């Protein structure tokens, strides 16, 4: 809190104190007044010098007092420059360890970490903390690829007896190691470049099936099918509430346009360092990073660009009947602003949306293992089963990697294997005596 100044009387007139850090100290039996300049307490604590400056001039002269104020403001500006430089120079010092490299990656203003979207940064922060717990004190120059393999094996072990292997955490540890080593290579650290080359192409496998004999199999990811998507949409609309319609709209949009949940409903990020412009939605210090809006559909063409990949796709909304069903149920007076909202009309938080979705899905008879986030995968799988070329499906999913599309967004389909089996059987020579 700024120091509250007593009124300053100069030549019989009260003068406003405009000098930052200006103080008058009374000394001796005669209480003689002396003008001084003091820096901020934070600067003194951090070691700023000088700690005080004696000012000179006649306190009964308005011109002298104004000159003192100017001197104070000059000194205050110097102090602020020192503090700013000190905060920059106070970045974590790289001492050759994994832990120091992780800290530098997060706090270096030049780090690519700051170019990621908020949700990605949050995930990386969690991974970085885990990596520091596992190997924070290890010196990078002394590491080899097998050290990382050992980390992977140790982290993958179940947290307690009877629990499944921690495959996701083990994968995150390795991925985060690659990320910070890449940052270190870009910063000119030769040991980072050397280790990065060493682990290039290394595989870090999951626990093999032989070691899992007798153990509980992990739950498989279940892809949403069309019947489930339609049931959720109809159950949401049947509620006749804004929340119910929001679940219907989100599910239909994800399944039909094969977009992610976060691209459908948006998400909230801290408002710091973001220039707020007219039309932005801000609540409680958080800014809504837009998902779909009703005005996105005004022309009948939905023009999207994936934030993560930069891939673009344009969808003719009239070609997607399930989404049309959900959209047609929205009252005219609600067709403005965000597509997916809470009861109050504000964009819904994803944790709240999870509960909204689960309520409607349960009512629709959709199993608990069918997550909302798997609607996108369901759309991709439906497209593949219908015979759509994998290149077209990748474009529809706004994915740049065809193999990644096949691996991550198209579930293994029994119709595909049936077609192969039937062609194989048809090609075999017929046994004698058979028609």
Protein backbone atom coordinates (compact mmCIF):
# COMPACT_ATOMS: atom_id res chain seq x y z
CA UNK A 1 0.00 0.00 0.00
CA UNK A 2 1.30 3.49 -0.89
CA UNK A 3 2.55 5.55 2.02
CA UNK A 4 0.05 8.22 3.06
CA UNK A 5 1.75 11.63 3.22
CA UNK A 6 0.94 14.34 5.73
CA UNK A 7 0.04 17.65 4.08
CA UNK A 8 3.17 19.58 3.06
CA UNK A 9 3.01 23.31 3.72
CA UNK A 10 5.31 25.41 1.50
CA UNK A 11 5.25 29.20 1.91
CA UNK A 12 1.96 28.99 3.75
CA UNK A 13 0.27 26.90 1.06
CA UNK A 14 -0.61 23.20 1.16
CA UNK A 15 1.23 21.31 -1.62
CA UNK A 16 0.44 17.84 -2.97
CA UNK A 17 3.41 15.47 -2.65
CA UNK A 18 4.07 14.18 -6.18
CA UNK A 19 7.55 12.79 -5.57
CA UNK A 20 7.57 8.98 -5.25
CA UNK A 21 9.51 8.01 -2.11
CA UNK A 22 9.66 11.58 -0.76
CA UNK A 23 9.74 11.84 3.03
CA UNK A 24 10.46 14.50 5.63
CA UNK A 25 12.35 13.41 8.73
CA UNK A 26 12.34 15.57 11.86
CA UNK A 27 15.56 15.42 13.89
CA UNK A 28 16.98 16.82 17.13
CA UNK A 29 15.43 18.76 19.95
CA UNK A 30 14.40 21.50 17.58
CA UNK A 31 12.64 19.03 15.29
CA UNK A 32 14.46 20.30 12.23
CA UNK A 33 12.97 18.99 9.03
CA UNK A 34 15.14 17.12 6.51
CA UNK A 35 13.92 15.89 3.10
CA UNK A 36 14.93 12.34 2.10
CA UNK A 37 14.17 9.82 -0.65
CA UNK A 38 13.43 6.19 0.24
CA UNK A 39 13.09 3.30 -2.26
CA UNK A 40 10.32 0.71 -2.00
CA UNK A 41 10.70 -1.85 0.79
CA UNK A 42 10.73 -4.66 -1.77
CA UNK A 43 13.71 -3.10 -3.54
CA UNK A 44 15.62 -2.67 -0.26
CA UNK A 45 14.93 -6.30 0.62
CA UNK A 46 16.31 -7.43 -2.74
CA UNK A 47 19.49 -5.38 -2.25
CA UNK A 48 18.88 -2.13 -4.13
CA UNK A 49 21.35 0.66 -3.44
CA UNK A 50 21.31 3.40 -2.27
CA UNK A 51 18.93 2.61 0.56
CA UNK A 52 18.24 6.32 1.17
CA UNK A 53 19.18 9.62 -0.52
CA UNK A 54 19.45 12.97 1.23
CA UNK A 55 17.70 15.75 -0.66
CA UNK A 56 18.81 19.35 -0.55
CA UNK A 57 16.89 22.58 -0.95
CA UNK A 58 14.65 25.01 0.88
CA UNK A 59 11.45 23.41 2.09
CA UNK A 60 9.86 26.86 2.12
CA UNK A 61 10.62 27.38 -1.60
CA UNK A 62 8.04 25.99 -4.02
CA UNK A 63 10.67 25.77 -6.78
CA UNK A 64 13.11 23.84 -4.56
CA UNK A 65 10.40 21.47 -3.39
CA UNK A 66 9.34 20.78 -6.97
CA UNK A 67 12.98 20.07 -7.86
CA UNK A 68 13.09 17.57 -4.97
CA UNK A 69 9.95 15.87 -6.29
CA UNK A 70 11.55 15.59 -9.74
CA UNK A 71 14.68 14.08 -8.19
CA UNK A 72 12.56 11.58 -6.27
CA UNK A 73 10.72 10.51 -9.40
CA UNK A 74 14.00 10.06 -11.29
CA UNK A 75 15.35 7.87 -8.48
CA UNK A 76 12.10 5.90 -8.38
CA UNK A 77 12.31 5.24 -12.12
CA UNK A 78 15.89 3.96 -11.70
CA UNK A 79 14.69 1.66 -8.93
CA UNK A 80 11.91 0.25 -11.12
CA UNK A 81 14.38 -0.43 -13.94
CA UNK A 82 16.64 -2.22 -11.47
CA UNK A 83 13.74 -4.31 -10.20
CA UNK A 84 12.63 -5.21 -13.71
CA UNK A 85 16.14 -6.25 -14.72
CA UNK A 86 16.54 -8.14 -11.48
CA UNK A 87 13.34 -10.12 -12.07
CA UNK A 88 14.53 -11.10 -15.53
CA UNK A 89 17.99 -12.03 -14.26
CA UNK A 90 16.36 -13.94 -11.43
CA UNK A 91 15.34 -16.72 -13.80
CA UNK A 92 16.30 -20.22 -12.67
CA UNK A 93 20.00 -20.88 -13.07
CA UNK A 94 20.80 -23.89 -15.21
CA UNK A 95 23.17 -26.09 -13.24
CA UNK A 96 23.23 -29.06 -15.58
CA UNK A 97 20.46 -31.05 -13.88
CA UNK A 98 17.09 -32.18 -15.23
CA UNK A 99 15.32 -30.21 -12.48
CA UNK A 100 17.02 -26.94 -13.41
CA UNK A 101 16.29 -27.52 -17.10
CA UNK A 102 12.60 -28.06 -16.32
CA UNK A 103 12.49 -24.82 -14.31
CA UNK A 104 14.18 -22.89 -17.12
CA UNK A 105 11.75 -24.32 -19.66
CA UNK A 106 8.79 -23.00 -17.67
CA UNK A 107 10.19 -19.61 -16.66
CA UNK A 108 12.49 -18.53 -19.51
CA UNK A 109 10.58 -15.82 -21.47
CA UNK A 110 12.07 -17.24 -24.69
CA UNK A 111 10.85 -20.77 -23.99
CA UNK A 112 8.33 -22.29 -26.43
CA UNK A 113 6.28 -23.22 -23.38
CA UNK A 114 4.71 -19.75 -23.48
CA UNK A 115 3.43 -20.32 -27.04
CA UNK A 116 1.19 -23.19 -25.96
CA UNK A 117 -2.47 -22.76 -25.14
CA UNK A 118 -3.48 -22.67 -21.49
CA UNK A 119 -4.71 -26.27 -21.24
CA UNK A 120 -1.46 -27.55 -22.73
CA UNK A 121 0.58 -25.43 -20.31
CA UNK A 122 -1.39 -26.85 -17.40
CA UNK A 123 -0.68 -30.39 -18.55
CA UNK A 124 3.01 -29.67 -19.08
CA UNK A 125 3.27 -28.16 -15.59
CA UNK A 126 1.96 -31.42 -14.12
CA UNK A 127 4.33 -33.52 -16.23
CA UNK A 128 7.28 -31.29 -15.38
CA UNK A 129 6.62 -31.65 -11.66
CA UNK A 130 6.48 -35.44 -12.06
CA UNK A 131 9.75 -35.46 -14.03
CA UNK A 132 11.48 -33.44 -11.31
CA UNK A 133 10.30 -35.92 -8.68
CA UNK A 134 11.67 -38.83 -10.71
CA UNK A 135 14.97 -37.40 -11.95
CA UNK A 136 15.32 -33.76 -10.91
CA UNK A 137 18.84 -34.17 -9.46
CA UNK A 138 20.30 -36.20 -12.32
CA UNK A 139 22.98 -34.47 -14.38
CA UNK A 140 22.10 -34.46 -18.08
CA UNK A 141 25.70 -34.92 -19.19
CA UNK A 142 25.85 -38.24 -17.30
CA UNK A 143 22.60 -39.66 -18.71
CA UNK A 144 22.19 -42.23 -21.46
CA UNK A 145 19.13 -43.64 -23.16
CA UNK A 146 18.87 -46.61 -20.81
CA UNK A 147 18.42 -44.22 -17.88
CA UNK A 148 15.21 -42.98 -19.45
CA UNK A 149 14.11 -46.54 -20.05
CA UNK A 150 14.63 -47.22 -16.34
CA UNK A 151 12.55 -44.16 -15.39
CA UNK A 152 9.81 -45.37 -17.70
CA UNK A 153 9.76 -48.83 -16.14
CA UNK A 154 9.77 -47.53 -12.57
CA UNK A 155 7.08 -44.92 -13.10
CA UNK A 156 4.91 -47.42 -14.96
CA UNK A 157 4.63 -49.66 -11.89
CA UNK A 158 1.23 -49.62 -10.14
CA UNK A 159 0.87 -47.07 -7.36
CA UNK A 160 -0.26 -49.86 -5.03
CA UNK A 161 -0.98 -53.62 -5.24
CA UNK A 162 -4.00 -54.40 -7.35
CA UNK A 163 -3.88 -51.10 -9.21
CA UNK A 164 -3.28 -50.93 -12.98
CA UNK A 165 0.12 -49.88 -14.39
CA UNK A 166 0.59 -46.10 -14.63
CA UNK A 167 1.11 -46.17 -18.39
CA UNK A 168 -0.06 -42.61 -19.02
CA UNK A 169 2.25 -41.13 -16.39
CA UNK A 170 5.20 -43.17 -17.69
CA UNK A 171 4.52 -41.92 -21.21
CA UNK A 172 4.21 -38.33 -19.95
CA UNK A 173 7.61 -38.53 -18.20
CA UNK A 174 9.34 -39.51 -21.44
CA UNK A 175 7.44 -36.98 -23.52
CA UNK A 176 8.29 -34.19 -21.09
CA UNK A 177 11.95 -35.23 -21.14
CA UNK A 178 12.00 -34.92 -24.93
CA UNK A 179 10.31 -31.49 -24.70
CA UNK A 180 12.78 -29.98 -22.22
CA UNK A 181 15.78 -31.50 -24.02
CA UNK A 182 14.57 -29.94 -27.26
CA UNK A 183 14.30 -26.60 -25.46
CA UNK A 184 17.83 -27.06 -24.08
CA UNK A 185 19.16 -27.88 -27.54
CA UNK A 186 17.62 -24.67 -28.86
CA UNK A 187 19.27 -22.79 -26.00
CA UNK A 188 22.68 -24.06 -27.13
CA UNK A 189 23.26 -26.66 -24.40
CA UNK A 190 25.40 -29.41 -26.01
CA UNK A 191 24.57 -32.06 -23.41
CA UNK A 192 20.88 -31.66 -24.21
CA UNK A 193 21.51 -31.99 -27.95
CA UNK A 194 23.65 -35.09 -27.35
CA UNK A 195 21.06 -36.88 -25.20
CA UNK A 196 18.25 -35.90 -27.56
CA UNK A 197 20.07 -37.55 -30.46
CA UNK A 198 20.76 -40.60 -28.30
CA UNK A 199 17.08 -41.20 -27.51
CA UNK A 200 15.84 -40.36 -31.01
CA UNK A 201 13.91 -43.37 -32.25
CA UNK A 202 13.98 -45.18 -28.92
CA UNK A 203 10.79 -47.03 -28.09
CA UNK A 204 9.31 -47.10 -24.60
CA UNK A 205 6.86 -49.96 -24.65
CA UNK A 206 3.91 -50.68 -22.42
CA UNK A 207 3.95 -53.68 -20.13
CA UNK A 208 3.70 -56.73 -22.36
CA UNK A 209 0.78 -59.14 -22.22
CA UNK A 210 2.86 -61.97 -20.76
CA UNK A 211 3.59 -59.95 -17.63
CA UNK A 212 -0.09 -59.06 -17.32
CA UNK A 213 -1.30 -62.67 -17.19
CA UNK A 214 -3.71 -63.00 -14.30
CA UNK A 215 -4.02 -59.25 -13.83
CA UNK A 216 -7.15 -57.21 -14.37
CA UNK A 217 -7.24 -55.88 -17.90
CA UNK A 218 -7.39 -52.09 -18.16
CA UNK A 219 -10.66 -50.62 -19.36
CA UNK A 220 -10.77 -50.16 -23.11
CA UNK A 221 -11.68 -46.83 -24.61
CA UNK A 222 -15.21 -47.09 -25.96
CA UNK A 223 -16.09 -45.20 -29.11
CA UNK A 224 -19.54 -43.62 -29.29
CA UNK A 225 -21.69 -45.01 -32.09
CA UNK A 226 -24.48 -43.25 -33.97
CA UNK A 227 -27.29 -44.94 -32.03
CA UNK A 228 -25.79 -43.70 -28.76
CA UNK A 229 -25.19 -40.19 -30.12
CA UNK A 230 -28.80 -39.99 -31.34
CA UNK A 231 -30.14 -41.31 -28.04
CA UNK A 232 -28.20 -38.65 -26.12
CA UNK A 233 -29.38 -35.87 -28.44
CA UNK A 234 -33.02 -36.92 -28.15
CA UNK A 235 -32.82 -37.36 -24.37
CA UNK A 236 -31.24 -33.92 -23.99
CA UNK A 237 -33.91 -32.26 -26.13
CA UNK A 238 -36.70 -34.09 -24.31
CA UNK A 239 -35.73 -32.33 -21.09
CA UNK A 240 -36.78 -29.01 -22.56
CA UNK A 241 -34.08 -27.12 -20.61
CA UNK A 242 -31.12 -25.02 -21.69
CA UNK A 243 -28.75 -27.55 -20.12
CA UNK A 244 -30.42 -30.46 -21.91
CA UNK A 245 -30.24 -28.66 -25.26
CA UNK A 246 -26.59 -27.82 -24.62
CA UNK A 247 -25.71 -31.48 -24.14
CA UNK A 248 -27.61 -32.35 -27.31
CA UNK A 249 -25.87 -29.62 -29.32
CA UNK A 250 -22.40 -30.49 -28.02
CA UNK A 251 -22.81 -34.22 -28.67
CA UNK A 252 -24.25 -33.69 -32.15
CA UNK A 253 -21.51 -31.20 -33.07
CA UNK A 254 -18.73 -33.49 -31.86
CA UNK A 255 -20.13 -36.58 -33.59
CA UNK A 256 -21.24 -34.95 -36.85
CA UNK A 257 -18.37 -32.51 -37.43
CA UNK A 258 -15.80 -34.83 -35.77
CA UNK A 259 -14.47 -32.05 -33.54
CA UNK A 260 -13.11 -32.27 -30.01
CA UNK A 261 -15.19 -31.48 -26.94
CA UNK A 262 -13.03 -28.46 -26.15
CA UNK A 263 -13.59 -27.04 -29.65
CA UNK A 264 -17.34 -27.46 -29.19
CA UNK A 265 -17.78 -25.99 -25.70
CA UNK A 266 -14.65 -23.81 -25.40
CA UNK A 267 -12.75 -23.40 -22.14
CA UNK A 268 -11.82 -20.81 -19.53
CA UNK A 269 -8.31 -19.38 -19.14
CA UNK A 270 -6.77 -16.84 -16.72
CA UNK A 271 -7.21 -13.31 -17.96
CA UNK A 272 -3.64 -12.19 -17.16
CA UNK A 273 -1.57 -10.83 -20.04
CA UNK A 274 -4.57 -10.86 -22.42
CA UNK A 275 -5.87 -7.63 -23.91
CA UNK A 276 -9.62 -7.64 -23.28
CA UNK A 277 -11.60 -6.52 -26.30
CA UNK A 278 -15.28 -5.82 -26.83
CA UNK A 279 -17.35 -8.97 -27.12
CA UNK A 280 -15.04 -11.16 -25.03
CA UNK A 281 -16.68 -13.06 -22.18
CA UNK A 282 -14.93 -12.58 -18.82
CA UNK A 283 -16.16 -13.98 -15.52
CA UNK A 284 -14.32 -14.10 -12.19
CA UNK A 285 -10.91 -13.33 -13.64
CA UNK A 286 -11.31 -15.97 -16.38
CA UNK A 287 -11.69 -15.42 -20.12
CA UNK A 288 -13.73 -17.79 -22.29
CA UNK A 289 -11.62 -19.10 -25.14
CA UNK A 290 -14.50 -19.51 -27.62
CA UNK A 291 -15.99 -22.80 -28.66
CA UNK A 292 -18.85 -22.86 -31.14
CA UNK A 293 -21.22 -19.89 -31.34
CA UNK A 294 -24.66 -19.69 -32.89
CA UNK A 295 -23.47 -17.08 -35.38
CA UNK A 296 -20.99 -19.68 -36.74
CA UNK A 297 -23.99 -21.32 -38.43
CA UNK A 298 -25.74 -18.27 -39.86
CA UNK A 299 -24.60 -18.87 -43.45
CA UNK A 300 -25.20 -22.61 -43.36
CA UNK A 301 -21.46 -23.24 -43.62
CA UNK A 302 -19.36 -23.91 -40.54
CA UNK A 303 -15.81 -22.69 -41.18
CA UNK A 304 -13.40 -24.04 -38.58
CA UNK A 305 -9.68 -24.06 -38.07
CA UNK A 306 -8.14 -26.41 -35.53
CA UNK A 307 -6.24 -24.28 -33.01
CA UNK A 308 -3.74 -27.07 -32.39
CA UNK A 309 -2.94 -28.19 -35.96
CA UNK A 310 -3.97 -25.14 -37.97
CA UNK A 311 -5.90 -27.46 -40.34
CA UNK A 312 -9.03 -25.93 -41.81
CA UNK A 313 -12.34 -27.51 -42.73
CA UNK A 314 -15.65 -26.15 -43.98
CA UNK A 315 -18.82 -28.08 -43.18
CA UNK A 316 -22.17 -27.76 -44.97
CA UNK A 317 -24.43 -27.84 -41.92
CA UNK A 318 -27.39 -29.07 -44.00
CA UNK A 319 -25.56 -32.36 -44.61
CA UNK A 320 -25.61 -33.31 -40.91
CA UNK A 321 -29.17 -34.28 -39.88
CA UNK A 322 -28.36 -35.11 -36.25
CA UNK A 323 -26.98 -31.64 -35.68
CA UNK A 324 -29.92 -30.12 -37.53
CA UNK A 325 -32.24 -31.97 -35.16
CA UNK A 326 -30.49 -30.46 -32.12
CA UNK A 327 -30.25 -26.96 -33.61
CA UNK A 328 -33.93 -26.83 -34.65
CA UNK A 329 -35.00 -27.40 -31.04
CA UNK A 330 -33.34 -24.21 -29.77
CA UNK A 331 -35.80 -21.31 -29.24
CA UNK A 332 -35.13 -18.26 -31.39
CA UNK A 333 -34.43 -16.05 -28.37
CA UNK A 334 -31.59 -18.38 -27.29
CA UNK A 335 -29.83 -18.45 -30.68
CA UNK A 336 -27.12 -15.99 -29.80
CA UNK A 337 -23.72 -16.25 -28.18
CA UNK A 338 -22.11 -19.54 -27.14
CA UNK A 339 -23.68 -22.75 -28.43
CA UNK A 340 -23.16 -24.73 -25.20
CA UNK A 341 -24.16 -22.90 -22.03
CA UNK A 342 -25.21 -23.39 -18.44
CA UNK A 343 -28.63 -22.39 -17.11
CA UNK A 344 -27.60 -18.74 -16.81
CA UNK A 345 -26.55 -18.55 -20.47
CA UNK A 346 -22.82 -18.37 -19.71
CA UNK A 347 -20.38 -20.78 -21.38
CA UNK A 348 -20.24 -23.98 -19.39
CA UNK A 349 -17.11 -25.10 -17.51
CA UNK A 350 -15.91 -28.48 -18.73
CA UNK A 351 -16.12 -30.03 -15.26
CA UNK A 352 -19.75 -28.90 -15.05
CA UNK A 353 -20.39 -30.16 -18.58
CA UNK A 354 -19.14 -33.60 -17.58
CA UNK A 355 -21.94 -33.87 -15.01
CA UNK A 356 -24.51 -32.48 -17.45
CA UNK A 357 -23.49 -35.01 -20.10
CA UNK A 358 -23.43 -37.95 -17.69
CA UNK A 359 -26.98 -37.19 -16.46
CA UNK A 360 -28.38 -37.12 -20.00
CA UNK A 361 -26.35 -40.12 -21.18
CA UNK A 362 -27.54 -42.21 -18.24
CA UNK A 363 -31.12 -41.25 -18.99
CA UNK A 364 -30.53 -42.27 -22.63
CA UNK A 365 -29.21 -45.68 -21.56
CA UNK A 366 -25.66 -45.02 -22.75
CA UNK A 367 -23.02 -46.90 -20.71
CA UNK A 368 -20.74 -44.94 -18.38
CA UNK A 369 -17.64 -45.97 -20.35
CA UNK A 370 -18.87 -44.02 -23.39
CA UNK A 371 -17.40 -40.60 -22.72
CA UNK A 372 -18.46 -37.37 -24.38
CA UNK A 373 -14.90 -36.90 -25.64
CA UNK A 374 -15.23 -40.12 -27.67
CA UNK A 375 -18.01 -38.71 -29.86
CA UNK A 376 -15.41 -37.35 -32.26
CA UNK A 377 -13.80 -40.78 -32.56
CA UNK A 378 -17.25 -42.26 -33.18
CA UNK A 379 -17.79 -39.97 -36.15
CA UNK A 380 -14.42 -40.96 -37.61
CA UNK A 381 -15.11 -44.65 -37.11
CA UNK A 382 -18.56 -44.34 -38.70
CA UNK A 383 -16.98 -42.65 -41.73
CA UNK A 384 -14.42 -45.44 -42.14
CA UNK A 385 -17.06 -48.16 -41.80
CA UNK A 386 -19.11 -46.39 -44.48
CA UNK A 387 -16.17 -46.65 -46.87
CA UNK A 388 -14.92 -43.05 -46.80
CA UNK A 389 -11.23 -42.78 -47.85
CA UNK A 390 -8.83 -42.34 -44.95
CA UNK A 391 -7.47 -39.13 -46.52
CA UNK A 392 -10.97 -37.63 -46.56
CA UNK A 393 -11.54 -38.70 -42.97
CA UNK A 394 -8.28 -37.03 -41.91
CA UNK A 395 -9.41 -33.80 -43.58
CA UNK A 396 -12.82 -34.06 -41.91
CA UNK A 397 -11.09 -34.54 -38.54
CA UNK A 398 -8.73 -31.64 -39.38
CA UNK A 399 -5.76 -33.94 -38.80
CA UNK A 400 -2.49 -33.58 -40.70
CA UNK A 401 -1.32 -37.14 -40.00
CA UNK A 402 -3.20 -39.88 -41.85
CA UNK A 403 -1.56 -42.67 -39.86
CA UNK A 404 -2.34 -40.83 -36.63
CA UNK A 405 -5.95 -40.56 -37.78
CA UNK A 406 -6.11 -44.28 -38.43
CA UNK A 407 -4.44 -45.11 -35.10
CA UNK A 408 -6.12 -42.62 -32.77
CA UNK A 409 -9.49 -41.71 -34.26
CA UNK A 410 -10.74 -44.78 -36.14
CA UNK A 411 -11.60 -47.74 -33.93
CA UNK A 412 -11.00 -51.30 -35.07
CA UNK A 413 -14.17 -52.25 -36.95
CA UNK A 414 -15.61 -55.74 -37.22
CA UNK A 415 -17.05 -54.95 -40.64
CA UNK A 416 -13.56 -54.35 -41.98
CA UNK A 417 -12.30 -57.71 -40.75
CA UNK A 418 -15.46 -59.43 -42.04
CA UNK A 419 -14.87 -58.05 -45.53
CA UNK A 420 -11.29 -59.29 -45.46
CA UNK A 421 -12.33 -62.72 -44.13
CA UNK A 422 -15.04 -63.17 -46.76
CA UNK A 423 -12.69 -62.23 -49.59
CA UNK A 424 -10.09 -64.68 -48.29
CA UNK A 425 -12.60 -67.51 -48.04
CA UNK A 426 -13.99 -66.73 -51.49
CA UNK A 427 -10.50 -66.98 -52.97
CA UNK A 428 -9.83 -70.48 -51.62
CA UNK A 429 -10.16 -73.51 -53.90
CA UNK A 430 -13.39 -75.33 -53.35
CA UNK A 431 -13.18 -78.87 -52.02
CA UNK A 432 -14.26 -81.69 -54.35
CA UNK A 433 -17.94 -82.41 -54.19
CA UNK A 434 -18.93 -78.96 -52.95
CA UNK A 435 -21.06 -76.66 -54.97
